[in-house]
């Protein structure tokens, strides 16, 4: 990640039910506006996910092109203007040190998970530790965060509230995790 806490003021994600349509949608999106792909590729079970960033206008323009190209293959989508800086870092696979209580939220929707993680990070002082988006876990995603127990509880409530109906696959708070658990996350 660059030194600027918000090198790109927006992120977007499209989740598609078709790999073929996902690839052609990705092509339409990157040709439509100046965006940077964070990742694009297959996720389980047989889905295609496009995660990207850029200026708010560019992300919105690219998203419109993506929604049109995805058509009936679209599962879910999200655009976040000004995402929390820790969300950006964890999406780029940076892993800060875990400490305190652990919160884990698991979702059936990758876009819903990003929305929930951003809400959790903006609700209180927690540390984003890891986010997994659909790879080798049946198409689900999960977000792991840590901090003081009270803050983790507040963040979990915010995440669940913003996730969306029917999208919660699991949620747990580990108040005092053993140090070995931090390496198992």
N, C-alpha and C. Protein backbone atom coordinates (compact mmCIF):
# COMPACT_ATOMS: atom_id res chain seq x y z
N UNK A 1 0.84 -1.17 0.00
CA UNK A 1 0.00 0.00 0.00
C UNK A 1 0.88 1.23 0.00
N UNK A 2 0.45 2.26 -0.66
CA UNK A 2 1.21 3.50 -0.72
C UNK A 2 1.17 4.22 0.61
N UNK A 3 2.05 5.23 0.82
CA UNK A 3 2.08 5.97 2.07
C UNK A 3 0.81 6.76 2.31
N UNK A 4 0.19 7.29 1.27
CA UNK A 4 -1.06 8.03 1.39
C UNK A 4 -2.13 7.08 1.91
N UNK A 5 -2.84 7.43 3.02
CA UNK A 5 -3.82 6.49 3.56
C UNK A 5 -4.99 6.22 2.62
N UNK A 6 -5.23 7.09 1.67
CA UNK A 6 -6.31 6.87 0.70
C UNK A 6 -5.80 7.15 -0.71
N UNK A 7 -4.89 6.27 -1.22
CA UNK A 7 -4.37 6.51 -2.56
C UNK A 7 -5.45 6.42 -3.62
N UNK A 8 -6.48 5.64 -3.35
CA UNK A 8 -7.63 5.52 -4.23
C UNK A 8 -8.86 5.68 -3.36
N UNK A 9 -9.67 6.68 -3.59
CA UNK A 9 -10.76 6.96 -2.66
C UNK A 9 -11.97 6.05 -2.77
N UNK A 10 -11.95 5.04 -3.63
CA UNK A 10 -13.11 4.15 -3.72
C UNK A 10 -12.66 2.74 -4.10
N UNK A 11 -13.44 1.76 -3.64
CA UNK A 11 -13.24 0.38 -4.06
C UNK A 11 -14.58 -0.17 -4.54
N UNK A 12 -14.50 -1.14 -5.42
CA UNK A 12 -15.70 -1.78 -5.92
C UNK A 12 -15.48 -3.27 -6.05
N UNK A 13 -16.57 -4.02 -5.99
CA UNK A 13 -16.50 -5.46 -6.14
C UNK A 13 -17.75 -5.95 -6.86
N UNK A 14 -17.54 -6.82 -7.83
CA UNK A 14 -18.64 -7.53 -8.50
C UNK A 14 -18.43 -9.01 -8.29
N UNK A 15 -19.51 -9.71 -8.01
CA UNK A 15 -19.51 -11.15 -7.83
C UNK A 15 -20.44 -11.72 -8.90
N UNK A 16 -19.93 -12.62 -9.72
CA UNK A 16 -20.72 -13.18 -10.82
C UNK A 16 -20.83 -14.69 -10.70
N UNK A 17 -21.93 -15.23 -11.22
CA UNK A 17 -22.17 -16.68 -11.19
C UNK A 17 -21.52 -17.40 -12.36
N UNK A 18 -20.96 -16.67 -13.31
CA UNK A 18 -20.36 -17.28 -14.50
C UNK A 18 -18.92 -16.82 -14.66
N UNK A 19 -18.01 -17.76 -14.82
CA UNK A 19 -16.61 -17.43 -15.02
C UNK A 19 -16.42 -16.76 -16.38
N UNK A 20 -17.03 -17.31 -17.43
CA UNK A 20 -16.90 -16.72 -18.77
C UNK A 20 -17.41 -15.28 -18.77
N UNK A 21 -18.60 -15.06 -18.20
CA UNK A 21 -19.15 -13.71 -18.15
C UNK A 21 -18.29 -12.81 -17.26
N UNK A 22 -17.70 -13.39 -16.22
CA UNK A 22 -16.83 -12.61 -15.34
C UNK A 22 -15.63 -12.05 -16.07
N UNK A 23 -15.01 -12.86 -16.91
CA UNK A 23 -13.83 -12.41 -17.66
C UNK A 23 -14.22 -11.32 -18.65
N UNK A 24 -15.32 -11.50 -19.37
CA UNK A 24 -15.72 -10.46 -20.33
C UNK A 24 -16.18 -9.20 -19.61
N UNK A 25 -16.79 -9.35 -18.44
CA UNK A 25 -17.20 -8.19 -17.64
C UNK A 25 -15.98 -7.42 -17.16
N UNK A 26 -14.98 -8.13 -16.69
CA UNK A 26 -13.74 -7.50 -16.23
C UNK A 26 -13.11 -6.69 -17.37
N UNK A 27 -13.09 -7.26 -18.56
CA UNK A 27 -12.54 -6.56 -19.72
C UNK A 27 -13.31 -5.27 -19.99
N UNK A 28 -14.64 -5.34 -19.94
CA UNK A 28 -15.46 -4.14 -20.18
C UNK A 28 -15.19 -3.07 -19.13
N UNK A 29 -14.99 -3.50 -17.90
CA UNK A 29 -14.79 -2.55 -16.81
C UNK A 29 -13.46 -1.81 -16.91
N UNK A 30 -12.38 -2.54 -17.17
CA UNK A 30 -11.08 -1.88 -17.24
C UNK A 30 -10.94 -1.03 -18.48
N UNK A 31 -11.70 -1.33 -19.52
CA UNK A 31 -11.69 -0.50 -20.73
C UNK A 31 -12.54 0.75 -20.56
N UNK A 32 -13.50 0.74 -19.66
CA UNK A 32 -14.43 1.85 -19.50
C UNK A 32 -13.83 3.01 -18.71
N UNK A 33 -13.05 2.71 -17.68
CA UNK A 33 -12.54 3.77 -16.82
C UNK A 33 -11.16 3.37 -16.29
N UNK A 34 -10.43 4.37 -15.84
CA UNK A 34 -9.09 4.15 -15.31
C UNK A 34 -9.19 3.65 -13.87
N UNK A 35 -9.24 2.33 -13.73
CA UNK A 35 -9.29 1.69 -12.42
C UNK A 35 -8.10 0.77 -12.29
N UNK A 36 -7.82 0.32 -11.07
CA UNK A 36 -6.76 -0.65 -10.84
C UNK A 36 -7.38 -1.91 -10.25
N UNK A 37 -7.14 -3.03 -10.88
CA UNK A 37 -7.63 -4.30 -10.35
C UNK A 37 -6.80 -4.69 -9.13
N UNK A 38 -7.48 -4.97 -8.04
CA UNK A 38 -6.81 -5.54 -6.87
C UNK A 38 -6.71 -7.04 -7.07
N UNK A 39 -7.81 -7.62 -7.53
CA UNK A 39 -7.81 -9.02 -7.91
C UNK A 39 -9.03 -9.30 -8.76
N UNK A 40 -8.87 -10.20 -9.68
CA UNK A 40 -9.98 -10.67 -10.50
C UNK A 40 -9.71 -12.13 -10.80
N UNK A 41 -10.70 -12.95 -10.57
CA UNK A 41 -10.51 -14.37 -10.84
C UNK A 41 -11.60 -15.22 -10.24
N UNK A 42 -11.38 -16.50 -10.34
CA UNK A 42 -12.38 -17.45 -9.88
C UNK A 42 -12.38 -17.58 -8.37
N UNK A 43 -13.56 -17.81 -7.84
CA UNK A 43 -13.75 -18.15 -6.44
C UNK A 43 -14.72 -19.32 -6.41
N UNK A 44 -14.72 -20.03 -5.33
CA UNK A 44 -15.59 -21.20 -5.21
C UNK A 44 -17.00 -20.75 -4.89
N UNK A 45 -18.02 -21.45 -5.24
CA UNK A 45 -18.06 -22.57 -6.17
C UNK A 45 -18.37 -22.10 -7.57
N UNK A 46 -17.39 -21.94 -8.39
CA UNK A 46 -17.58 -21.57 -9.79
C UNK A 46 -18.00 -20.14 -10.02
N UNK A 47 -17.63 -19.25 -9.12
CA UNK A 47 -17.96 -17.83 -9.27
C UNK A 47 -16.73 -17.08 -9.81
N UNK A 48 -16.96 -15.85 -10.21
CA UNK A 48 -15.89 -14.96 -10.66
C UNK A 48 -16.06 -13.65 -9.90
N UNK A 49 -14.99 -13.16 -9.30
CA UNK A 49 -15.03 -11.95 -8.49
C UNK A 49 -14.06 -10.92 -9.05
N UNK A 50 -14.51 -9.67 -9.13
CA UNK A 50 -13.69 -8.56 -9.61
C UNK A 50 -13.64 -7.53 -8.50
N UNK A 51 -12.45 -7.31 -7.93
CA UNK A 51 -12.23 -6.34 -6.87
C UNK A 51 -11.30 -5.28 -7.43
N UNK A 52 -11.71 -4.02 -7.35
CA UNK A 52 -10.94 -2.95 -8.00
C UNK A 52 -11.02 -1.66 -7.19
N UNK A 53 -10.16 -0.71 -7.56
CA UNK A 53 -10.11 0.57 -6.86
C UNK A 53 -9.79 1.68 -7.83
N UNK A 54 -10.04 2.90 -7.41
CA UNK A 54 -9.76 4.06 -8.23
C UNK A 54 -10.46 5.27 -7.66
N UNK A 55 -10.51 6.33 -8.43
CA UNK A 55 -11.27 7.51 -8.03
C UNK A 55 -12.75 7.17 -7.97
N UNK A 56 -13.50 7.93 -7.18
CA UNK A 56 -14.93 7.64 -7.02
C UNK A 56 -15.65 7.64 -8.36
N UNK A 57 -15.40 8.64 -9.19
CA UNK A 57 -16.05 8.71 -10.50
C UNK A 57 -15.68 7.54 -11.39
N UNK A 58 -14.41 7.18 -11.39
CA UNK A 58 -13.94 6.07 -12.22
C UNK A 58 -14.51 4.74 -11.74
N UNK A 59 -14.54 4.54 -10.43
CA UNK A 59 -15.09 3.30 -9.89
C UNK A 59 -16.57 3.20 -10.21
N UNK A 60 -17.31 4.29 -10.05
CA UNK A 60 -18.74 4.28 -10.39
C UNK A 60 -18.97 4.02 -11.87
N UNK A 61 -18.17 4.65 -12.73
CA UNK A 61 -18.31 4.46 -14.17
C UNK A 61 -18.00 3.01 -14.56
N UNK A 62 -16.93 2.49 -14.00
CA UNK A 62 -16.55 1.11 -14.27
C UNK A 62 -17.61 0.14 -13.74
N UNK A 63 -18.17 0.45 -12.57
CA UNK A 63 -19.22 -0.40 -12.00
C UNK A 63 -20.45 -0.43 -12.90
N UNK A 64 -20.84 0.73 -13.42
CA UNK A 64 -22.00 0.76 -14.34
C UNK A 64 -21.76 -0.14 -15.55
N UNK A 65 -20.54 -0.06 -16.10
CA UNK A 65 -20.20 -0.92 -17.24
C UNK A 65 -20.22 -2.39 -16.82
N UNK A 66 -19.71 -2.67 -15.63
CA UNK A 66 -19.70 -4.04 -15.14
C UNK A 66 -21.09 -4.59 -14.90
N UNK A 67 -21.96 -3.78 -14.33
CA UNK A 67 -23.34 -4.23 -14.07
C UNK A 67 -24.06 -4.54 -15.38
N UNK A 68 -23.83 -3.68 -16.38
CA UNK A 68 -24.46 -3.91 -17.69
C UNK A 68 -23.92 -5.19 -18.33
N UNK A 69 -22.62 -5.38 -18.27
CA UNK A 69 -22.01 -6.56 -18.89
C UNK A 69 -22.35 -7.84 -18.13
N UNK A 70 -22.44 -7.76 -16.81
CA UNK A 70 -22.73 -8.94 -16.00
C UNK A 70 -24.15 -9.43 -16.21
N UNK A 71 -25.08 -8.52 -16.37
CA UNK A 71 -26.48 -8.83 -16.63
C UNK A 71 -27.01 -9.88 -15.65
N UNK A 72 -27.56 -10.96 -16.17
CA UNK A 72 -28.20 -11.96 -15.32
C UNK A 72 -27.21 -12.86 -14.58
N UNK A 73 -25.91 -12.69 -14.82
CA UNK A 73 -24.90 -13.47 -14.09
C UNK A 73 -24.49 -12.80 -12.78
N UNK A 74 -24.99 -11.59 -12.53
CA UNK A 74 -24.62 -10.84 -11.33
C UNK A 74 -25.20 -11.50 -10.08
N UNK A 75 -24.34 -11.69 -9.09
CA UNK A 75 -24.78 -12.18 -7.77
C UNK A 75 -24.91 -11.00 -6.82
N UNK A 76 -23.86 -10.17 -6.74
CA UNK A 76 -23.86 -9.04 -5.81
C UNK A 76 -22.80 -8.05 -6.26
N UNK A 77 -22.92 -6.82 -5.76
CA UNK A 77 -21.93 -5.79 -6.08
C UNK A 77 -21.91 -4.76 -4.97
N UNK A 78 -20.83 -4.01 -4.91
CA UNK A 78 -20.71 -2.93 -3.94
C UNK A 78 -19.71 -1.91 -4.44
N UNK A 79 -19.98 -0.64 -4.16
CA UNK A 79 -19.02 0.45 -4.31
C UNK A 79 -18.94 1.13 -2.96
N UNK A 80 -17.72 1.30 -2.45
CA UNK A 80 -17.50 2.02 -1.21
C UNK A 80 -16.63 3.23 -1.50
N UNK A 81 -17.20 4.41 -1.33
CA UNK A 81 -16.40 5.63 -1.42
C UNK A 81 -15.75 5.85 -0.07
N UNK A 82 -14.50 6.21 -0.07
CA UNK A 82 -13.73 6.45 1.15
C UNK A 82 -13.78 5.29 2.13
N UNK A 83 -13.35 4.10 1.70
CA UNK A 83 -13.32 2.97 2.63
C UNK A 83 -12.30 3.23 3.73
N UNK A 84 -12.49 2.60 4.86
CA UNK A 84 -11.56 2.73 5.97
C UNK A 84 -10.17 2.29 5.50
N UNK A 85 -9.14 3.00 5.92
CA UNK A 85 -7.77 2.71 5.48
C UNK A 85 -7.34 1.28 5.82
N UNK A 86 -7.78 0.75 6.98
CA UNK A 86 -7.42 -0.63 7.32
C UNK A 86 -8.09 -1.64 6.40
N UNK A 87 -9.28 -1.31 5.92
CA UNK A 87 -9.93 -2.21 4.96
C UNK A 87 -9.12 -2.27 3.68
N UNK A 88 -8.65 -1.13 3.23
CA UNK A 88 -7.80 -1.11 2.04
C UNK A 88 -6.56 -1.96 2.25
N UNK A 89 -5.93 -1.83 3.42
CA UNK A 89 -4.70 -2.57 3.71
C UNK A 89 -4.94 -4.07 3.73
N UNK A 90 -6.01 -4.50 4.39
CA UNK A 90 -6.25 -5.94 4.50
C UNK A 90 -6.68 -6.53 3.15
N UNK A 91 -7.34 -5.75 2.31
CA UNK A 91 -7.66 -6.22 0.96
C UNK A 91 -6.40 -6.39 0.12
N UNK A 92 -5.38 -5.60 0.43
CA UNK A 92 -4.10 -5.71 -0.28
C UNK A 92 -3.21 -6.77 0.37
N UNK A 93 -3.77 -7.54 1.33
CA UNK A 93 -3.12 -8.67 1.99
C UNK A 93 -2.06 -8.27 3.01
N UNK A 94 -2.09 -7.04 3.50
CA UNK A 94 -1.22 -6.67 4.60
C UNK A 94 -1.83 -7.25 5.88
N UNK A 95 -0.99 -7.81 6.76
CA UNK A 95 -1.50 -8.46 7.97
C UNK A 95 -0.87 -7.86 9.21
N UNK A 96 -1.57 -6.94 9.87
CA UNK A 96 -1.03 -6.37 11.11
C UNK A 96 -1.07 -7.39 12.24
N UNK A 97 -0.33 -7.12 13.29
CA UNK A 97 -0.28 -7.98 14.47
C UNK A 97 -1.63 -8.02 15.17
N UNK A 98 -2.04 -9.20 15.57
CA UNK A 98 -3.30 -9.35 16.29
C UNK A 98 -3.05 -9.22 17.78
N UNK A 99 -4.01 -8.60 18.46
CA UNK A 99 -3.92 -8.50 19.91
C UNK A 99 -5.31 -8.29 20.49
N UNK A 100 -5.50 -8.76 21.72
CA UNK A 100 -6.78 -8.59 22.39
C UNK A 100 -7.78 -9.65 21.95
N UNK A 101 -9.05 -9.28 22.03
CA UNK A 101 -10.13 -10.18 21.63
C UNK A 101 -10.17 -10.29 20.11
N UNK A 102 -10.72 -11.42 19.64
CA UNK A 102 -10.86 -11.65 18.19
C UNK A 102 -12.32 -11.64 17.81
N UNK A 103 -12.62 -11.03 16.68
CA UNK A 103 -13.95 -11.11 16.09
C UNK A 103 -13.83 -11.74 14.73
N UNK A 104 -14.73 -12.65 14.42
CA UNK A 104 -14.74 -13.31 13.11
C UNK A 104 -16.15 -13.26 12.58
N UNK A 105 -16.32 -12.68 11.39
CA UNK A 105 -17.63 -12.67 10.75
C UNK A 105 -17.49 -13.37 9.41
N UNK A 106 -18.42 -14.26 9.13
CA UNK A 106 -18.39 -15.08 7.92
C UNK A 106 -19.67 -14.81 7.13
N UNK A 107 -19.52 -14.66 5.81
CA UNK A 107 -20.66 -14.26 4.98
C UNK A 107 -20.78 -15.12 3.73
N UNK A 108 -22.01 -15.26 3.27
CA UNK A 108 -22.27 -15.92 1.99
C UNK A 108 -22.04 -14.98 0.81
N UNK A 109 -21.96 -13.68 1.07
CA UNK A 109 -21.77 -12.67 0.03
C UNK A 109 -20.44 -11.95 0.23
N UNK A 110 -19.62 -11.92 -0.81
CA UNK A 110 -18.34 -11.23 -0.70
C UNK A 110 -18.53 -9.72 -0.65
N UNK A 111 -19.45 -9.20 -1.46
CA UNK A 111 -19.74 -7.76 -1.42
C UNK A 111 -20.32 -7.39 -0.06
N UNK A 112 -21.20 -8.21 0.46
CA UNK A 112 -21.76 -7.96 1.79
C UNK A 112 -20.69 -7.97 2.86
N UNK A 113 -19.72 -8.86 2.73
CA UNK A 113 -18.63 -8.93 3.71
C UNK A 113 -17.80 -7.66 3.69
N UNK A 114 -17.50 -7.13 2.52
CA UNK A 114 -16.72 -5.89 2.44
C UNK A 114 -17.50 -4.75 3.07
N UNK A 115 -18.79 -4.67 2.79
CA UNK A 115 -19.65 -3.64 3.40
C UNK A 115 -19.63 -3.78 4.92
N UNK A 116 -19.76 -5.01 5.43
CA UNK A 116 -19.76 -5.26 6.87
C UNK A 116 -18.42 -4.93 7.51
N UNK A 117 -17.32 -5.29 6.85
CA UNK A 117 -15.99 -5.01 7.39
C UNK A 117 -15.75 -3.50 7.47
N UNK A 118 -16.16 -2.77 6.45
CA UNK A 118 -16.01 -1.31 6.47
C UNK A 118 -16.82 -0.71 7.62
N UNK A 119 -18.03 -1.19 7.82
CA UNK A 119 -18.88 -0.70 8.92
C UNK A 119 -18.25 -1.00 10.27
N UNK A 120 -17.70 -2.20 10.43
CA UNK A 120 -17.05 -2.57 11.69
C UNK A 120 -15.87 -1.66 11.99
N UNK A 121 -15.05 -1.41 10.97
CA UNK A 121 -13.86 -0.57 11.16
C UNK A 121 -14.22 0.87 11.46
N UNK A 122 -15.32 1.34 10.91
CA UNK A 122 -15.73 2.73 11.15
C UNK A 122 -16.51 2.90 12.45
N UNK A 123 -16.97 1.80 13.04
CA UNK A 123 -17.79 1.87 14.25
C UNK A 123 -16.97 2.12 15.51
N UNK A 124 -15.73 1.65 15.55
CA UNK A 124 -14.94 1.73 16.78
C UNK A 124 -13.48 1.43 16.47
N UNK A 125 -12.64 1.47 17.49
CA UNK A 125 -11.21 1.22 17.33
C UNK A 125 -10.92 -0.28 17.37
N UNK A 126 -10.76 -0.88 16.20
CA UNK A 126 -10.35 -2.27 16.09
C UNK A 126 -9.24 -2.35 15.05
N UNK A 127 -8.60 -3.50 14.98
CA UNK A 127 -7.55 -3.71 13.98
C UNK A 127 -8.03 -4.77 12.99
N UNK A 128 -7.99 -4.45 11.71
CA UNK A 128 -8.31 -5.42 10.66
C UNK A 128 -7.13 -6.36 10.51
N UNK A 129 -7.39 -7.66 10.62
CA UNK A 129 -6.30 -8.63 10.57
C UNK A 129 -6.27 -9.48 9.31
N UNK A 130 -7.45 -9.85 8.80
CA UNK A 130 -7.46 -10.70 7.62
C UNK A 130 -8.84 -10.66 6.98
N UNK A 131 -8.85 -10.75 5.66
CA UNK A 131 -10.10 -10.91 4.94
C UNK A 131 -9.87 -11.96 3.86
N UNK A 132 -10.76 -12.93 3.77
CA UNK A 132 -10.69 -13.97 2.73
C UNK A 132 -11.93 -13.84 1.88
N UNK A 133 -11.75 -13.82 0.59
CA UNK A 133 -12.86 -13.62 -0.33
C UNK A 133 -13.07 -14.84 -1.21
N UNK A 134 -13.70 -15.85 -0.69
CA UNK A 134 -14.22 -16.95 -1.49
C UNK A 134 -13.28 -18.06 -1.91
N UNK A 135 -11.99 -17.91 -1.80
CA UNK A 135 -11.08 -18.94 -2.29
C UNK A 135 -11.02 -20.13 -1.35
N UNK A 136 -11.27 -21.31 -1.90
CA UNK A 136 -11.14 -22.58 -1.19
C UNK A 136 -12.01 -22.68 0.06
N UNK A 137 -13.04 -21.87 0.16
CA UNK A 137 -13.93 -21.94 1.33
C UNK A 137 -15.39 -21.91 0.89
N UNK A 138 -15.66 -22.57 -0.21
CA UNK A 138 -17.04 -22.73 -0.66
C UNK A 138 -17.71 -21.46 -1.12
N UNK A 139 -16.93 -20.47 -1.54
CA UNK A 139 -17.51 -19.23 -2.04
C UNK A 139 -17.86 -18.23 -0.96
N UNK A 140 -17.70 -18.61 0.30
CA UNK A 140 -17.97 -17.68 1.39
C UNK A 140 -16.74 -16.79 1.61
N UNK A 141 -16.91 -15.78 2.43
CA UNK A 141 -15.80 -14.93 2.82
C UNK A 141 -15.82 -14.74 4.32
N UNK A 142 -14.67 -14.35 4.87
CA UNK A 142 -14.66 -14.03 6.29
C UNK A 142 -13.69 -12.89 6.57
N UNK A 143 -13.97 -12.18 7.66
CA UNK A 143 -13.19 -11.03 8.10
C UNK A 143 -12.82 -11.26 9.56
N UNK A 144 -11.52 -11.12 9.87
CA UNK A 144 -11.02 -11.28 11.23
C UNK A 144 -10.50 -9.94 11.71
N UNK A 145 -10.90 -9.56 12.92
CA UNK A 145 -10.45 -8.30 13.50
C UNK A 145 -10.18 -8.50 14.98
N UNK A 146 -9.41 -7.58 15.57
CA UNK A 146 -9.05 -7.72 16.97
C UNK A 146 -9.04 -6.37 17.65
N UNK A 147 -9.04 -6.42 18.98
CA UNK A 147 -9.01 -5.21 19.78
C UNK A 147 -9.53 -5.49 21.18
N UNK A 148 -9.83 -4.42 21.89
CA UNK A 148 -10.43 -4.56 23.22
C UNK A 148 -11.78 -5.24 23.07
N UNK A 149 -12.15 -6.06 24.04
CA UNK A 149 -13.38 -6.85 23.95
C UNK A 149 -14.60 -5.99 23.65
N UNK A 150 -14.74 -4.88 24.35
CA UNK A 150 -15.90 -4.01 24.12
C UNK A 150 -15.92 -3.51 22.67
N UNK A 151 -14.76 -3.10 22.16
CA UNK A 151 -14.68 -2.60 20.79
C UNK A 151 -15.00 -3.70 19.78
N UNK A 152 -14.54 -4.90 20.04
CA UNK A 152 -14.82 -6.03 19.15
C UNK A 152 -16.32 -6.32 19.13
N UNK A 153 -16.97 -6.21 20.29
CA UNK A 153 -18.43 -6.43 20.36
C UNK A 153 -19.18 -5.36 19.58
N UNK A 154 -18.77 -4.09 19.73
CA UNK A 154 -19.41 -2.99 18.99
C UNK A 154 -19.20 -3.18 17.49
N UNK A 155 -17.98 -3.53 17.10
CA UNK A 155 -17.67 -3.74 15.68
C UNK A 155 -18.48 -4.91 15.11
N UNK A 156 -18.63 -5.97 15.88
CA UNK A 156 -19.40 -7.13 15.41
C UNK A 156 -20.86 -6.74 15.18
N UNK A 157 -21.43 -5.99 16.12
CA UNK A 157 -22.82 -5.54 15.96
C UNK A 157 -22.98 -4.70 14.69
N UNK A 158 -22.03 -3.80 14.45
CA UNK A 158 -22.09 -2.95 13.25
C UNK A 158 -21.95 -3.79 11.99
N UNK A 159 -21.06 -4.76 12.01
CA UNK A 159 -20.85 -5.62 10.84
C UNK A 159 -22.11 -6.41 10.51
N UNK A 160 -22.71 -7.02 11.52
CA UNK A 160 -23.92 -7.82 11.30
C UNK A 160 -25.05 -6.95 10.79
N UNK A 161 -25.18 -5.74 11.35
CA UNK A 161 -26.23 -4.82 10.92
C UNK A 161 -26.09 -4.44 9.45
N UNK A 162 -24.86 -4.29 8.96
CA UNK A 162 -24.62 -3.85 7.59
C UNK A 162 -24.47 -5.00 6.59
N UNK A 163 -24.47 -6.22 7.07
CA UNK A 163 -24.24 -7.36 6.18
C UNK A 163 -25.38 -7.59 5.20
N UNK A 164 -26.57 -7.52 5.66
CA UNK A 164 -27.72 -7.78 4.79
C UNK A 164 -28.42 -9.05 5.21
N UNK A 165 -29.72 -9.10 4.99
CA UNK A 165 -30.51 -10.26 5.42
C UNK A 165 -30.11 -11.55 4.72
N UNK A 166 -29.98 -12.60 5.50
CA UNK A 166 -29.68 -13.92 4.96
C UNK A 166 -28.24 -14.14 4.54
N UNK A 167 -27.35 -13.17 4.78
CA UNK A 167 -25.98 -13.28 4.30
C UNK A 167 -24.99 -13.73 5.38
N UNK A 168 -25.43 -13.76 6.64
CA UNK A 168 -24.55 -14.14 7.74
C UNK A 168 -24.38 -15.66 7.77
N UNK A 169 -23.14 -16.12 7.59
CA UNK A 169 -22.84 -17.55 7.66
C UNK A 169 -22.35 -17.94 9.05
N UNK A 170 -21.78 -16.99 9.78
CA UNK A 170 -21.29 -17.26 11.13
C UNK A 170 -20.66 -16.03 11.73
N UNK A 171 -20.67 -15.99 13.05
CA UNK A 171 -20.00 -14.90 13.76
C UNK A 171 -19.57 -15.43 15.11
N UNK A 172 -18.36 -15.07 15.49
CA UNK A 172 -17.82 -15.49 16.77
C UNK A 172 -16.95 -14.38 17.34
N UNK A 173 -16.97 -14.30 18.66
CA UNK A 173 -16.04 -13.43 19.38
C UNK A 173 -15.28 -14.32 20.35
N UNK A 174 -13.96 -14.26 20.29
CA UNK A 174 -13.11 -15.00 21.21
C UNK A 174 -12.51 -13.96 22.14
N UNK A 175 -12.99 -13.95 23.39
CA UNK A 175 -12.64 -12.89 24.33
C UNK A 175 -11.16 -12.87 24.70
N UNK A 176 -10.58 -14.04 24.90
CA UNK A 176 -9.19 -14.11 25.34
C UNK A 176 -8.49 -15.25 24.61
N UNK A 177 -8.18 -15.05 23.31
CA UNK A 177 -7.63 -16.16 22.53
C UNK A 177 -6.22 -16.55 22.97
N UNK A 178 -5.94 -17.84 22.90
CA UNK A 178 -4.59 -18.34 23.13
C UNK A 178 -3.70 -17.78 22.04
N UNK A 179 -2.45 -17.50 22.34
CA UNK A 179 -1.54 -16.90 21.35
C UNK A 179 -1.38 -17.77 20.11
N UNK A 180 -1.52 -19.08 20.22
CA UNK A 180 -1.41 -19.95 19.06
C UNK A 180 -2.55 -19.74 18.07
N UNK A 181 -3.70 -19.28 18.57
CA UNK A 181 -4.85 -19.04 17.69
C UNK A 181 -4.53 -17.93 16.69
N UNK A 182 -3.75 -16.94 17.11
CA UNK A 182 -3.41 -15.84 16.20
C UNK A 182 -2.68 -16.34 14.96
N UNK A 183 -1.87 -17.36 15.11
CA UNK A 183 -1.15 -17.89 13.94
C UNK A 183 -2.03 -18.82 13.11
N UNK A 184 -3.13 -19.30 13.69
CA UNK A 184 -4.02 -20.21 12.98
C UNK A 184 -5.07 -19.48 12.15
N UNK A 185 -5.15 -18.19 12.29
CA UNK A 185 -6.19 -17.42 11.58
C UNK A 185 -5.85 -17.31 10.12
